[in-house]
Amino acid sequence: MSLTRILLYILLAYFLYKFVFRFLVPVIQMSWRMRRQIKEFQRQHQQQQDPLQQQTTEAKQSTSNNATAKQPKAGEYIDFEEVKQ
């Protein structure tokens, strides 16, 4: 092998090393960090939604119980007023 070929391989290895450790590694680390943050946001959102879903379920059950008791009889007239804007 000639000296120029060895120098060329050394330069190629150096630029490949710089590319990997200055570009690829930070990009990969950032993508992992973003995935973790997205999962954390989804987990927090789910925790916030769980109590709200329980409250709405309880409210729906109580209103459905009230609605069955207060349903108007068939054929009963309901007053209607037209609202002008």
Protein backbone atom coordinates (compact mmCIF):
# COMPACT_ATOMS: atom_id res chain seq x y z
CA MET A 1 0.00 0.00 0.00
CA SER A 2 1.18 3.41 -0.77
CA LEU A 3 1.44 6.24 1.71
CA THR A 4 -1.29 8.26 -0.01
CA ARG A 5 -3.75 5.41 0.28
CA ILE A 6 -3.02 5.10 4.02
CA LEU A 7 -3.47 8.86 4.50
CA LEU A 8 -6.72 8.68 2.55
CA TYR A 9 -8.03 5.91 4.82
CA ILE A 10 -6.99 7.87 7.91
CA LEU A 11 -8.80 10.99 6.64
CA LEU A 12 -11.86 8.93 5.75
CA ALA A 13 -11.88 7.34 9.21
CA TYR A 14 -11.49 10.77 10.85
CA PHE A 15 -14.40 12.32 8.92
CA LEU A 16 -16.54 9.25 9.51
CA TYR A 17 -15.76 9.48 13.25
CA LYS A 18 -16.67 13.20 13.30
CA PHE A 19 -19.88 12.55 11.38
CA VAL A 20 -20.98 9.76 13.68
CA PHE A 21 -20.19 11.44 16.98
CA ARG A 22 -21.13 15.01 16.07
CA PHE A 23 -24.26 14.31 14.04
CA LEU A 24 -25.67 10.79 14.34
CA VAL A 25 -25.25 10.27 18.08
CA PRO A 26 -26.92 13.59 19.05
CA VAL A 27 -29.77 12.97 16.61
CA ILE A 28 -30.37 9.49 18.02
CA GLN A 29 -30.19 10.80 21.59
CA MET A 30 -32.67 13.56 20.77
CA SER A 31 -35.11 11.10 19.21
CA TRP A 32 -34.93 8.87 22.32
CA ARG A 33 -35.47 11.90 24.55
CA MET A 34 -38.47 13.03 22.49
CA ARG A 35 -40.00 9.55 22.65
CA ARG A 36 -39.62 9.51 26.42
CA GLN A 37 -41.20 12.97 26.72
CA ILE A 38 -44.10 12.00 24.47
CA LYS A 39 -44.74 8.89 26.55
CA GLU A 40 -44.57 10.99 29.73
CA PHE A 41 -47.04 13.55 28.34
CA GLN A 42 -49.40 10.77 27.28
CA ARG A 43 -49.15 9.19 30.74
CA GLN A 44 -49.88 12.52 32.44
CA HIS A 45 -52.77 13.19 30.09
CA GLN A 46 -54.20 9.76 30.80
CA GLN A 47 -53.91 10.33 34.56
CA GLN A 48 -55.75 13.64 34.21
CA GLN A 49 -58.46 12.07 32.05
CA ASP A 50 -59.16 9.10 34.35
CA PRO A 51 -60.78 11.14 37.17
CA LEU A 52 -62.75 13.17 34.62
CA GLN A 53 -64.02 10.03 32.94
CA GLN A 54 -65.11 8.62 36.30
CA GLN A 55 -66.94 11.86 37.13
CA THR A 56 -68.67 12.00 33.75
CA THR A 57 -69.65 8.34 34.02
CA GLU A 58 -71.14 8.94 37.45
CA ALA A 59 -72.92 12.06 36.19
CA LYS A 60 -74.32 10.19 33.19
CA GLN A 61 -75.58 7.41 35.44
CA SER A 62 -77.28 9.85 37.80
CA THR A 63 -78.85 11.81 34.93
CA SER A 64 -80.02 8.64 33.23
CA ASN A 65 -81.66 7.56 36.47
CA ASN A 66 -83.32 10.98 36.77
CA ALA A 67 -84.26 11.02 33.09
CA THR A 68 -86.10 7.71 33.30
CA ALA A 69 -88.12 9.00 36.22
CA LYS A 70 -88.97 12.34 34.57
CA GLN A 71 -89.68 11.26 30.99
CA PRO A 72 -92.80 12.93 29.61
CA LYS A 73 -95.75 10.78 28.73
CA ALA A 74 -96.29 9.89 25.11
CA GLY A 75 -98.38 12.49 23.34
CA GLU A 76 -97.74 15.19 25.91
CA TYR A 77 -97.29 18.66 24.38
CA ILE A 78 -94.01 20.50 25.04
CA ASP A 79 -94.00 24.29 24.71
CA PHE A 80 -91.66 25.66 22.07
CA GLU A 81 -90.48 29.22 21.73
CA GLU A 82 -88.60 30.43 18.71
CA VAL A 83 -85.50 32.46 19.55
CA LYS A 84 -84.58 35.22 17.09
CA GLN A 85 -81.00 36.24 16.73
